[in-house]
Amino acid sequence: MIQPADRRDADGDELSRLRRRVAELEEQHLNATDAVIGAEAAAAQARRDIEDIFHQLHVREEELKELKGLLGFELDTPLEEIVPALGGGSRPLGRSARRRSVRSKPRR
């Protein structure tokens, strides 16, 4: 038969075991919360990185458009076709026209 003292020891052991289990669960909860916060921070950083990449892509696309506009033609285009596009009209090709750079086209 179980004596009252034995019952207290059994209850005390059970209470200690439950307290340890509660402490373990609280620690697991804190670890899971830390993991979620870390994942949210990593996701936010990834979003910033993606936005930065898209911004750089947009800048490069604009630079490419500008360069294409400045060139206007392929590089092997004869000078006679480039000068009118530069705003030279139908002027005869003199020394100054030959020296003129494709980049001297006025910007829009």
PDB file of N, CA and C in Angstrom:
ATOM      1  N   MET A   1       0.823  -1.168   0.000  1.00  0.00           N
ATOM      2  CA  MET A   1       0.000   0.000   0.000  1.00  0.00           C
ATOM      3  C   MET A   1       0.874   1.240   0.000  1.00  0.00           C
ATOM      4  N   ILE A   2       0.355   2.319  -0.675  1.00  0.00           N
ATOM      5  CA  ILE A   2       1.129   3.562  -0.794  1.00  0.00           C
ATOM      6  C   ILE A   2       0.839   4.439   0.411  1.00  0.00           C
ATOM      7  N   GLN A   3       1.893   4.847   1.030  1.00  0.00           N
ATOM      8  CA  GLN A   3       1.787   5.741   2.177  1.00  0.00           C
ATOM      9  C   GLN A   3       1.716   7.188   1.697  1.00  0.00           C
ATOM     10  N   PRO A   4       1.186   8.123   2.515  1.00  0.00           N
ATOM     11  CA  PRO A   4       1.095   9.526   2.118  1.00  0.00           C
ATOM     12  C   PRO A   4       2.446  10.119   1.757  1.00  0.00           C
ATOM     13  N   ALA A   5       3.515   9.754   2.437  1.00  0.00           N
ATOM     14  CA  ALA A   5       4.844  10.276   2.115  1.00  0.00           C
ATOM     15  C   ALA A   5       5.258   9.807   0.725  1.00  0.00           C
ATOM     16  N   ASP A   6       4.958   8.550   0.418  1.00  0.00           N
ATOM     17  CA  ASP A   6       5.291   8.025  -0.907  1.00  0.00           C
ATOM     18  C   ASP A   6       4.498   8.762  -1.992  1.00  0.00           C
ATOM     19  N   ARG A   7       3.262   9.081  -1.663  1.00  0.00           N
ATOM     20  CA  ARG A   7       2.423   9.786  -2.632  1.00  0.00           C
ATOM     21  C   ARG A   7       3.004  11.174  -2.921  1.00  0.00           C
ATOM     22  N   ARG A   8       3.503  11.887  -1.906  1.00  0.00           N
ATOM     23  CA  ARG A   8       4.104  13.207  -2.106  1.00  0.00           C
ATOM     24  C   ARG A   8       5.336  13.096  -2.991  1.00  0.00           C
ATOM     25  N   ASP A   9       6.143  12.077  -2.741  1.00  0.00           N
ATOM     26  CA  ASP A   9       7.337  11.892  -3.568  1.00  0.00           C
ATOM     27  C   ASP A   9       6.951  11.615  -5.015  1.00  0.00           C
ATOM     28  N   ALA A  10       5.942  10.809  -5.201  1.00  0.00           N
ATOM     29  CA  ALA A  10       5.489  10.499  -6.557  1.00  0.00           C
ATOM     30  C   ALA A  10       4.922  11.755  -7.212  1.00  0.00           C
ATOM     31  N   ASP A  11       4.145  12.538  -6.472  1.00  0.00           N
ATOM     32  CA  ASP A  11       3.593  13.782  -7.016  1.00  0.00           C
ATOM     33  C   ASP A  11       4.710  14.792  -7.294  1.00  0.00           C
ATOM     34  N   GLY A  12       5.692  14.855  -6.404  1.00  0.00           N
ATOM     35  CA  GLY A  12       6.819  15.772  -6.589  1.00  0.00           C
ATOM     36  C   GLY A  12       7.629  15.409  -7.812  1.00  0.00           C
ATOM     37  N   ASP A  13       7.848  14.110  -8.013  1.00  0.00           N
ATOM     38  CA  ASP A  13       8.577  13.659  -9.198  1.00  0.00           C
ATOM     39  C   ASP A  13       7.794  13.994 -10.469  1.00  0.00           C
ATOM     40  N   GLU A  14       6.484  13.760 -10.402  1.00  0.00           N
ATOM     41  CA  GLU A  14       5.633  14.061 -11.559  1.00  0.00           C
ATOM     42  C   GLU A  14       5.629  15.564 -11.838  1.00  0.00           C
ATOM     43  N   LEU A  15       5.538  16.383 -10.792  1.00  0.00           N
ATOM     44  CA  LEU A  15       5.555  17.835 -10.950  1.00  0.00           C
ATOM     45  C   LEU A  15       6.898  18.311 -11.511  1.00  0.00           C
ATOM     46  N   SER A  16       7.982  17.746 -11.038  1.00  0.00           N
ATOM     47  CA  SER A  16       9.316  18.096 -11.554  1.00  0.00           C
ATOM     48  C   SER A  16       9.443  17.712 -13.022  1.00  0.00           C
ATOM     49  N   ARG A  17       8.926  16.531 -13.340  1.00  0.00           N
ATOM     50  CA  ARG A  17       8.986  16.085 -14.737  1.00  0.00           C
ATOM     51  C   ARG A  17       8.180  17.017 -15.634  1.00  0.00           C
ATOM     52  N   LEU A  18       6.992  17.433 -15.175  1.00  0.00           N
ATOM     53  CA  LEU A  18       6.162  18.352 -15.951  1.00  0.00           C
ATOM     54  C   LEU A  18       6.827  19.721 -16.096  1.00  0.00           C
ATOM     55  N   ARG A  19       7.468  20.200 -15.042  1.00  0.00           N
ATOM     56  CA  ARG A  19       8.171  21.488 -15.121  1.00  0.00           C
ATOM     57  C   ARG A  19       9.319  21.422 -16.136  1.00  0.00           C
ATOM     58  N   ARG A  20      10.065  20.303 -16.110  1.00  0.00           N
ATOM     59  CA  ARG A  20      11.147  20.138 -17.087  1.00  0.00           C
ATOM     60  C   ARG A  20      10.582  20.111 -18.509  1.00  0.00           C
ATOM     61  N   ARG A  21       9.472  19.423 -18.679  1.00  0.00           N
ATOM     62  CA  ARG A  21       8.839  19.335 -20.011  1.00  0.00           C
ATOM     63  C   ARG A  21       8.369  20.715 -20.467  1.00  0.00           C
ATOM     64  N   VAL A  22       7.788  21.504 -19.557  1.00  0.00           N
ATOM     65  CA  VAL A  22       7.346  22.863 -19.893  1.00  0.00           C
ATOM     66  C   VAL A  22       8.558  23.712 -20.291  1.00  0.00           C
ATOM     67  N   ALA A  23       9.642  23.599 -19.540  1.00  0.00           N
ATOM     68  CA  ALA A  23      10.856  24.365 -19.849  1.00  0.00           C
ATOM     69  C   ALA A  23      11.407  23.969 -21.221  1.00  0.00           C
ATOM     70  N   GLU A  24      11.398  22.667 -21.537  1.00  0.00           N
ATOM     71  CA  GLU A  24      11.863  22.196 -22.846  1.00  0.00           C
ATOM     72  C   GLU A  24      10.992  22.766 -23.969  1.00  0.00           C
ATOM     73  N   LEU A  25       9.690  22.744 -23.762  1.00  0.00           N
ATOM     74  CA  LEU A  25       8.771  23.271 -24.778  1.00  0.00           C
ATOM     75  C   LEU A  25       8.938  24.781 -24.954  1.00  0.00           C
ATOM     76  N   GLU A  26       9.153  25.488 -23.859  1.00  0.00           N
ATOM     77  CA  GLU A  26       9.388  26.930 -23.964  1.00  0.00           C
ATOM     78  C   GLU A  26      10.670  27.204 -24.753  1.00  0.00           C
ATOM     79  N   GLU A  27      11.713  26.419 -24.508  1.00  0.00           N
ATOM     80  CA  GLU A  27      12.963  26.593 -25.238  1.00  0.00           C
ATOM     81  C   GLU A  27      12.767  26.286 -26.721  1.00  0.00           C
ATOM     82  N   GLN A  28      12.017  25.225 -27.021  1.00  0.00           N
ATOM     83  CA  GLN A  28      11.720  24.897 -28.417  1.00  0.00           C
ATOM     84  C   GLN A  28      10.949  26.031 -29.088  1.00  0.00           C
ATOM     85  N   HIS A  29      10.002  26.604 -28.351  1.00  0.00           N
ATOM     86  CA  HIS A  29       9.214  27.726 -28.874  1.00  0.00           C
ATOM     87  C   HIS A  29      10.120  28.918 -29.179  1.00  0.00           C
ATOM     88  N   LEU A  30      11.019  29.236 -28.253  1.00  0.00           N
ATOM     89  CA  LEU A  30      11.946  30.354 -28.477  1.00  0.00           C
ATOM     90  C   LEU A  30      12.859  30.085 -29.677  1.00  0.00           C
ATOM     91  N   ASN A  31      13.340  28.855 -29.798  1.00  0.00           N
ATOM     92  CA  ASN A  31      14.184  28.504 -30.942  1.00  0.00           C
ATOM     93  C   ASN A  31      13.421  28.624 -32.254  1.00  0.00           C
ATOM     94  N   ALA A  32      12.176  28.173 -32.253  1.00  0.00           N
ATOM     95  CA  ALA A  32      11.352  28.274 -33.457  1.00  0.00           C
ATOM     96  C   ALA A  32      11.074  29.736 -33.799  1.00  0.00           C
ATOM     97  N   THR A  33      10.822  30.548 -32.770  1.00  0.00           N
ATOM     98  CA  THR A  33      10.586  31.979 -32.993  1.00  0.00           C
ATOM     99  C   THR A  33      11.834  32.639 -33.579  1.00  0.00           C
ATOM    100  N   ASP A  34      13.006  32.301 -33.042  1.00  0.00           N
ATOM    101  CA  ASP A  34      14.262  32.826 -33.589  1.00  0.00           C
ATOM    102  C   ASP A  34      14.446  32.412 -35.044  1.00  0.00           C
ATOM    103  N   ALA A  35      14.107  31.165 -35.356  1.00  0.00           N
ATOM    104  CA  ALA A  35      14.244  30.670 -36.727  1.00  0.00           C
ATOM    105  C   ALA A  35      13.319  31.438 -37.674  1.00  0.00           C
ATOM    106  N   VAL A  36      12.093  31.692 -37.228  1.00  0.00           N
ATOM    107  CA  VAL A  36      11.144  32.445 -38.063  1.00  0.00           C
ATOM    108  C   VAL A  36      11.649  33.874 -38.288  1.00  0.00           C
ATOM    109  N   ILE A  37      12.136  34.505 -37.235  1.00  0.00           N
ATOM    110  CA  ILE A  37      12.657  35.871 -37.366  1.00  0.00           C
ATOM    111  C   ILE A  37      13.848  35.887 -38.320  1.00  0.00           C
ATOM    112  N   GLY A  38      14.723  34.903 -38.207  1.00  0.00           N
ATOM    113  CA  GLY A  38      15.866  34.810 -39.117  1.00  0.00           C
ATOM    114  C   GLY A  38      15.437  34.600 -40.556  1.00  0.00           C
ATOM    115  N   ALA A  39      14.437  33.751 -40.756  1.00  0.00           N
ATOM    116  CA  ALA A  39      13.931  33.504 -42.114  1.00  0.00           C
ATOM    117  C   ALA A  39      13.286  34.754 -42.691  1.00  0.00           C
ATOM    118  N   GLU A  40      12.549  35.493 -41.875  1.00  0.00           N
ATOM    119  CA  GLU A  40      11.935  36.746 -42.340  1.00  0.00           C
ATOM    120  C   GLU A  40      13.009  37.760 -42.716  1.00  0.00           C
ATOM    121  N   ALA A  41      14.074  37.836 -41.924  1.00  0.00           N
ATOM    122  CA  ALA A  41      15.167  38.760 -42.233  1.00  0.00           C
ATOM    123  C   ALA A  41      15.864  38.355 -43.529  1.00  0.00           C
ATOM    124  N   ALA A  42      16.078  37.058 -43.707  1.00  0.00           N
ATOM    125  CA  ALA A  42      16.711  36.576 -44.944  1.00  0.00           C
ATOM    126  C   ALA A  42      15.826  36.857 -46.154  1.00  0.00           C
ATOM    127  N   ALA A  43      14.521  36.682 -45.994  1.00  0.00           N
ATOM    128  CA  ALA A  43      13.589  36.961 -47.095  1.00  0.00           C
ATOM    129  C   ALA A  43      13.583  38.446 -47.428  1.00  0.00           C
ATOM    130  N   ALA A  44      13.614  39.287 -46.414  1.00  0.00           N
ATOM    131  CA  ALA A  44      13.650  40.740 -46.657  1.00  0.00           C
ATOM    132  C   ALA A  44      14.938  41.127 -47.380  1.00  0.00           C
ATOM    133  N   GLN A  45      16.061  40.539 -46.985  1.00  0.00           N
ATOM    134  CA  GLN A  45      17.329  40.823 -47.656  1.00  0.00           C
ATOM    135  C   GLN A  45      17.288  40.335 -49.098  1.00  0.00           C
ATOM    136  N   ALA A  46      16.704  39.169 -49.317  1.00  0.00           N
ATOM    137  CA  ALA A  46      16.587  38.640 -50.682  1.00  0.00           C
ATOM    138  C   ALA A  46      15.730  39.564 -51.542  1.00  0.00           C
ATOM    139  N   ARG A  47      14.642  40.098 -50.969  1.00  0.00           N
ATOM    140  CA  ARG A  47      13.804  41.042 -51.721  1.00  0.00           C
ATOM    141  C   ARG A  47      14.593  42.296 -52.076  1.00  0.00           C
ATOM    142  N   ARG A  48      15.399  42.806 -51.125  1.00  0.00           N
ATOM    143  CA  ARG A  48      16.230  43.981 -51.413  1.00  0.00           C
ATOM    144  C   ARG A  48      17.252  43.671 -52.501  1.00  0.00           C
ATOM    145  N   ASP A  49      17.841  42.483 -52.440  1.00  0.00           N
ATOM    146  CA  ASP A  49      18.814  42.087 -53.457  1.00  0.00           C
ATOM    147  C   ASP A  49      18.157  42.005 -54.832  1.00  0.00           C
ATOM    148  N   ILE A  50      16.968  41.439 -54.885  1.00  0.00           N
ATOM    149  CA  ILE A  50      16.247  41.320 -56.152  1.00  0.00           C
ATOM    150  C   ILE A  50      15.893  42.702 -56.688  1.00  0.00           C
ATOM    151  N   GLU A  51      15.420  43.589 -55.824  1.00  0.00           N
ATOM    152  CA  GLU A  51      15.116  44.954 -56.252  1.00  0.00           C
ATOM    153  C   GLU A  51      16.363  45.642 -56.776  1.00  0.00           C
ATOM    154  N   ASP A  52      17.495  45.435 -56.134  1.00  0.00           N
ATOM    155  CA  ASP A  52      18.755  46.028 -56.576  1.00  0.00           C
ATOM    156  C   ASP A  52      19.155  45.481 -57.946  1.00  0.00           C
ATOM    157  N   ILE A  53      18.982  44.178 -58.129  1.00  0.00           N
ATOM    158  CA  ILE A  53      19.315  43.571 -59.426  1.00  0.00           C
ATOM    159  C   ILE A  53      18.420  44.134 -60.521  1.00  0.00           C
ATOM    160  N   PHE A  54      17.119  44.259 -60.250  1.00  0.00           N
ATOM    161  CA  PHE A  54      16.211  44.814 -61.254  1.00  0.00           C
ATOM    162  C   PHE A  54      16.537  46.279 -61.536  1.00  0.00           C
ATOM    163  N   HIS A  55      16.938  47.025 -60.508  1.00  0.00           N
ATOM    164  CA  HIS A  55      17.340  48.421 -60.727  1.00  0.00           C
ATOM    165  C   HIS A  55      18.578  48.475 -61.620  1.00  0.00           C
ATOM    166  N   GLN A  56      19.568  47.640 -61.332  1.00  0.00           N
ATOM    167  CA  GLN A  56      20.776  47.617 -62.153  1.00  0.00           C
ATOM    168  C   GLN A  56      20.440  47.218 -63.584  1.00  0.00           C
ATOM    169  N   LEU A  57      19.548  46.247 -63.741  1.00  0.00           N
ATOM    170  CA  LEU A  57      19.126  45.830 -65.077  1.00  0.00           C
ATOM    171  C   LEU A  57      18.462  46.982 -65.811  1.00  0.00           C
ATOM    172  N   HIS A  58      17.589  47.709 -65.122  1.00  0.00           N
ATOM    173  CA  HIS A  58      16.918  48.849 -65.737  1.00  0.00           C
ATOM    174  C   HIS A  58      17.944  49.906 -66.171  1.00  0.00           C
ATOM    175  N   VAL A  59      18.909  50.185 -65.301  1.00  0.00           N
ATOM    176  CA  VAL A  59      19.947  51.173 -65.632  1.00  0.00           C
ATOM    177  C   VAL A  59      20.723  50.716 -66.857  1.00  0.00           C
ATOM    178  N   ARG A  60      21.098  49.444 -66.903  1.00  0.00           N
ATOM    179  CA  ARG A  60      21.859  48.921 -68.050  1.00  0.00           C
ATOM    180  C   ARG A  60      21.020  48.975 -69.327  1.00  0.00           C
ATOM    181  N   GLU A  61      19.725  48.691 -69.226  1.00  0.00           N
ATOM    182  CA  GLU A  61      18.856  48.774 -70.399  1.00  0.00           C
ATOM    183  C   GLU A  61      18.778  50.208 -70.912  1.00  0.00           C
ATOM    184  N   GLU A  62      18.673  51.162 -69.993  1.00  0.00           N
ATOM    185  CA  GLU A  62      18.636  52.565 -70.401  1.00  0.00           C
ATOM    186  C   GLU A  62      19.961  52.977 -71.042  1.00  0.00           C
ATOM    187  N   GLU A  63      21.080  52.524 -70.475  1.00  0.00           N
ATOM    188  CA  GLU A  63      22.384  52.830 -71.072  1.00  0.00           C
ATOM    189  C   GLU A  63      22.489  52.228 -72.464  1.00  0.00           C
ATOM    190  N   LEU A  64      21.989  51.003 -72.624  1.00  0.00           N
ATOM    191  CA  LEU A  64      22.023  50.357 -73.924  1.00  0.00           C
ATOM    192  C   LEU A  64      21.181  51.125 -74.936  1.00  0.00           C
ATOM    193  N   LYS A  65      19.988  51.552 -74.518  1.00  0.00           N
ATOM    194  CA  LYS A  65      19.141  52.349 -75.415  1.00  0.00           C
ATOM    195  C   LYS A  65      19.850  53.630 -75.822  1.00  0.00           C
ATOM    196  N   GLU A  66      20.493  54.280 -74.862  1.00  0.00           N
ATOM    197  CA  GLU A  66      21.206  55.520 -75.156  1.00  0.00           C
ATOM    198  C   GLU A  66      22.353  55.268 -76.126  1.00  0.00           C
ATOM    199  N   LEU A  67      23.103  54.203 -75.898  1.00  0.00           N
ATOM    200  CA  LEU A  67      24.203  53.890 -76.806  1.00  0.00           C
ATOM    201  C   LEU A  67      23.701  53.567 -78.202  1.00  0.00           C
ATOM    202  N   LYS A  68      22.614  52.811 -78.277  1.00  0.00           N
ATOM    203  CA  LYS A  68      22.043  52.510 -79.589  1.00  0.00           C
ATOM    204  C   LYS A  68      21.585  53.792 -80.274  1.00  0.00           C
ATOM    205  N   GLY A  69      21.002  54.688 -79.500  1.00  0.00           N
ATOM    206  CA  GLY A  69      20.573  55.958 -80.075  1.00  0.00           C
ATOM    207  C   GLY A  69      21.750  56.803 -80.536  1.00  0.00           C
ATOM    208  N   LEU A  70      22.823  56.778 -79.768  1.00  0.00           N
ATOM    209  CA  LEU A  70      24.005  57.544 -80.153  1.00  0.00           C
ATOM    210  C   LEU A  70      24.661  56.972 -81.401  1.00  0.00           C
ATOM    211  N   LEU A  71      24.727  55.666 -81.488  1.00  0.00           N
ATOM    212  CA  LEU A  71      25.340  55.043 -82.661  1.00  0.00           C
ATOM    213  C   LEU A  71      24.417  55.151 -83.861  1.00  0.00           C
ATOM    214  N   GLY A  72      23.191  54.798 -83.683  1.00  0.00           N
ATOM    215  CA  GLY A  72      22.201  54.928 -84.743  1.00  0.00           C
ATOM    216  C   GLY A  72      22.337  53.880 -85.828  1.00  0.00           C
ATOM    217  N   PHE A  73      23.505  53.441 -86.065  1.00  0.00           N
ATOM    218  CA  PHE A  73      23.767  52.480 -87.138  1.00  0.00           C
ATOM    219  C   PHE A  73      24.769  51.455 -86.638  1.00  0.00           C
ATOM    220  N   GLU A  74      24.925  50.402 -87.418  1.00  0.00           N
ATOM    221  CA  GLU A  74      25.978  49.445 -87.101  1.00  0.00           C
ATOM    222  C   GLU A  74      27.322  50.101 -87.376  1.00  0.00           C
ATOM    223  N   LEU A  75      28.361  49.612 -86.768  1.00  0.00           N
ATOM    224  CA  LEU A  75      29.668  50.234 -86.894  1.00  0.00           C
ATOM    225  C   LEU A  75      30.229  50.155 -88.310  1.00  0.00           C
ATOM    226  N   ASP A  76      29.831  49.183 -89.097  1.00  0.00           N
ATOM    227  CA  ASP A  76      30.369  49.071 -90.450  1.00  0.00           C
ATOM    228  C   ASP A  76      29.571  49.886 -91.470  1.00  0.00           C
ATOM    229  N   THR A  77      28.678  50.744 -91.014  1.00  0.00           N
ATOM    230  CA  THR A  77      27.915  51.608 -91.902  1.00  0.00           C
ATOM    231  C   THR A  77      28.847  52.640 -92.534  1.00  0.00           C
ATOM    232  N   PRO A  78      28.744  52.843 -93.831  1.00  0.00           N
ATOM    233  CA  PRO A  78      29.617  53.832 -94.481  1.00  0.00           C
ATOM    234  C   PRO A  78      29.374  55.238 -93.921  1.00  0.00           C
ATOM    235  N   LEU A  79      30.413  56.033 -93.915  1.00  0.00           N
ATOM    236  CA  LEU A  79      30.358  57.378 -93.374  1.00  0.00           C
ATOM    237  C   LEU A  79      29.322  58.230 -94.098  1.00  0.00           C
ATOM    238  N   GLU A  80      29.109  57.981 -95.376  1.00  0.00           N
ATOM    239  CA  GLU A  80      28.126  58.751 -96.146  1.00  0.00           C
ATOM    240  C   GLU A  80      26.716  58.576 -95.589  1.00  0.00           C
ATOM    241  N   GLU A  81      26.439  57.455 -94.971  1.00  0.00           N
ATOM    242  CA  GLU A  81      25.122  57.233 -94.377  1.00  0.00           C
ATOM    243  C   GLU A  81      25.040  57.769 -92.944  1.00  0.00           C
ATOM    244  N   ILE A  82      26.173  57.851 -92.285  1.00  0.00           N
ATOM    245  CA  ILE A  82      26.177  58.299 -90.897  1.00  0.00           C
ATOM    246  C   ILE A  82      26.037  59.808 -90.800  1.00  0.00           C
ATOM    247  N   VAL A  83      26.715  60.560 -91.679  1.00  0.00           N
ATOM    248  CA  VAL A  83      26.722  62.022 -91.578  1.00  0.00           C
ATOM    249  C   VAL A  83      25.315  62.600 -91.658  1.00  0.00           C
ATOM    250  N   PRO A  84      24.460  62.193 -92.590  1.00  0.00           N
ATOM    251  CA  PRO A  84      23.100  62.753 -92.593  1.00  0.00           C
ATOM    252  C   PRO A  84      22.337  62.441 -91.304  1.00  0.00           C
ATOM    253  N   ALA A  85      22.571  61.288 -90.729  1.00  0.00           N
ATOM    254  CA  ALA A  85      21.885  60.932 -89.491  1.00  0.00           C
ATOM    255  C   ALA A  85      22.359  61.787 -88.329  1.00  0.00           C
ATOM    256  N   LEU A  86      23.551  62.316 -88.432  1.00  0.00           N
ATOM    257  CA  LEU A  86      24.088  63.165 -87.375  1.00  0.00           C
ATOM    258  C   LEU A  86      23.588  64.600 -87.497  1.00  0.00           C
ATOM    259  N   GLY A  87      22.771  64.848 -88.473  1.00  0.00           N
ATOM    260  CA  GLY A  87      22.260  66.200 -88.650  1.00  0.00           C
ATOM    261  C   GLY A  87      23.083  66.964 -89.665  1.00  0.00           C
ATOM    262  N   GLY A  88      23.959  66.261 -90.350  1.00  0.00           N
ATOM    263  CA  GLY A  88      24.813  66.909 -91.334  1.00  0.00           C
ATOM    264  C   GLY A  88      24.085  67.189 -92.630  1.00  0.00           C
ATOM    265  N   GLY A  89      22.906  66.648 -92.811  1.00  0.00           N
ATOM    266  CA  GLY A  89      22.134  66.883 -94.017  1.00  0.00           C
ATOM    267  C   GLY A  89      22.854  66.379 -95.248  1.00  0.00           C
ATOM    268  N   SER A  90      22.813  67.177 -96.302  1.00  0.00           N
ATOM    269  CA  SER A  90      23.414  66.750 -97.573  1.00  0.00           C
ATOM    270  C   SER A  90      24.721  67.473 -97.834  1.00  0.00           C
ATOM    271  N   ARG A  91      25.402  67.899 -96.812  1.00  0.00           N
ATOM    272  CA  ARG A  91      26.680  68.588 -96.982  1.00  0.00           C
ATOM    273  C   ARG A  91      27.683  67.662 -97.640  1.00  0.00           C
ATOM    274  N   PRO A  92      28.574  68.234 -98.391  1.00  0.00           N
ATOM    275  CA  PRO A  92      29.630  67.406 -98.969  1.00  0.00           C
ATOM    276  C   PRO A  92      30.555  66.910 -97.854  1.00  0.00           C
ATOM    277  N   LEU A  93      31.125  65.770 -98.070  1.00  0.00           N
ATOM    278  CA  LEU A  93      32.005  65.190 -97.067  1.00  0.00           C
ATOM    279  C   LEU A  93      33.388  65.814 -97.160  1.00  0.00           C
ATOM    280  N   GLY A  94      33.652  66.730 -96.298  1.00  0.00           N
ATOM    281  CA  GLY A  94      34.982  67.334 -96.217  1.00  0.00           C
ATOM    282  C   GLY A  94      35.749  66.698 -95.091  1.00  0.00           C
ATOM    283  N   ARG A  95      36.916  67.299 -94.785  1.00  0.00           N
ATOM    284  CA  ARG A  95      37.750  66.760 -93.702  1.00  0.00           C
ATOM    285  C   ARG A  95      37.008  66.761 -92.367  1.00  0.00           C
ATOM    286  N   SER A  96      36.269  67.820 -92.077  1.00  0.00           N
ATOM    287  CA  SER A  96      35.612  67.919 -90.771  1.00  0.00           C
ATOM    288  C   SER A  96      34.537  66.845 -90.605  1.00  0.00           C
ATOM    289  N   ALA A  97      33.850  66.495 -91.678  1.00  0.00           N
ATOM    290  CA  ALA A  97      32.805  65.478 -91.586  1.00  0.00           C
ATOM    291  C   ALA A  97      33.412  64.109 -91.333  1.00  0.00           C
ATOM    292  N   ARG A  98      34.582  63.869 -91.904  1.00  0.00           N
ATOM    293  CA  ARG A  98      35.214  62.566 -91.704  1.00  0.00           C
ATOM    294  C   ARG A  98      35.710  62.403 -90.266  1.00  0.00           C
ATOM    295  N   ARG A  99      36.099  63.503 -89.645  1.00  0.00           N
ATOM    296  CA  ARG A  99      36.609  63.440 -88.278  1.00  0.00           C
ATOM    297  C   ARG A  99      35.487  63.353 -87.241  1.00  0.00           C
ATOM    298  N   ARG A 100      34.326  63.708 -87.640  1.00  0.00           N
ATOM    299  CA  ARG A 100      33.208  63.771 -86.706  1.00  0.00           C
ATOM    300  C   ARG A 100      32.884  62.398 -86.129  1.00  0.00           C
ATOM    301  N   SER A 101      32.696  62.345 -84.863  1.00  0.00           N
ATOM    302  CA  SER A 101      32.400  61.093 -84.186  1.00  0.00           C
ATOM    303  C   SER A 101      30.908  60.811 -84.253  1.00  0.00           C
ATOM    304  N   VAL A 102      30.573  59.547 -84.286  1.00  0.00           N
ATOM    305  CA  VAL A 102      29.162  59.150 -84.240  1.00  0.00           C
ATOM    306  C   VAL A 102      28.541  59.645 -82.938  1.00  0.00           C
ATOM    307  N   ARG A 103      29.340  59.752 -81.895  1.00  0.00           N
ATOM    308  CA  ARG A 103      28.825  60.173 -80.602  1.00  0.00           C
ATOM    309  C   ARG A 103      28.447  61.652 -80.570  1.00  0.00           C
ATOM    310  N   SER A 104      28.805  62.385 -81.592  1.00  0.00           N
ATOM    311  CA  SER A 104      28.497  63.805 -81.579  1.00  0.00           C
ATOM    312  C   SER A 104      27.056  64.086 -81.968  1.00  0.00           C
ATOM    313  N   LYS A 105      26.268  63.042 -82.205  1.00  0.00           N
ATOM    314  CA  LYS A 105      24.852  63.209 -82.512  1.00  0.00           C
ATOM    315  C   LYS A 105      24.163  63.900 -81.347  1.00  0.00           C
ATOM    316  N   PRO A 106      23.384  64.939 -81.615  1.00  0.00           N
ATOM    317  CA  PRO A 106      22.708  65.623 -80.496  1.00  0.00           C
ATOM    318  C   PRO A 106      21.758  64.675 -79.775  1.00  0.00           C
ATOM    319  N   ARG A 107      21.732  64.823 -78.466  1.00  0.00           N
ATOM    320  CA  ARG A 107      20.836  63.990 -77.655  1.00  0.00           C
ATOM    321  C   ARG A 107      19.425  64.519 -77.730  1.00  0.00           C
ATOM    322  N   ARG A 108      18.491  63.609 -77.617  1.00  0.00           N
ATOM    323  CA  ARG A 108      17.068  63.990 -77.667  1.00  0.00           C
ATOM    324  C   ARG A 108      16.561  64.310 -76.315  1.00  0.00           C
TER     325      ARG A 108
END
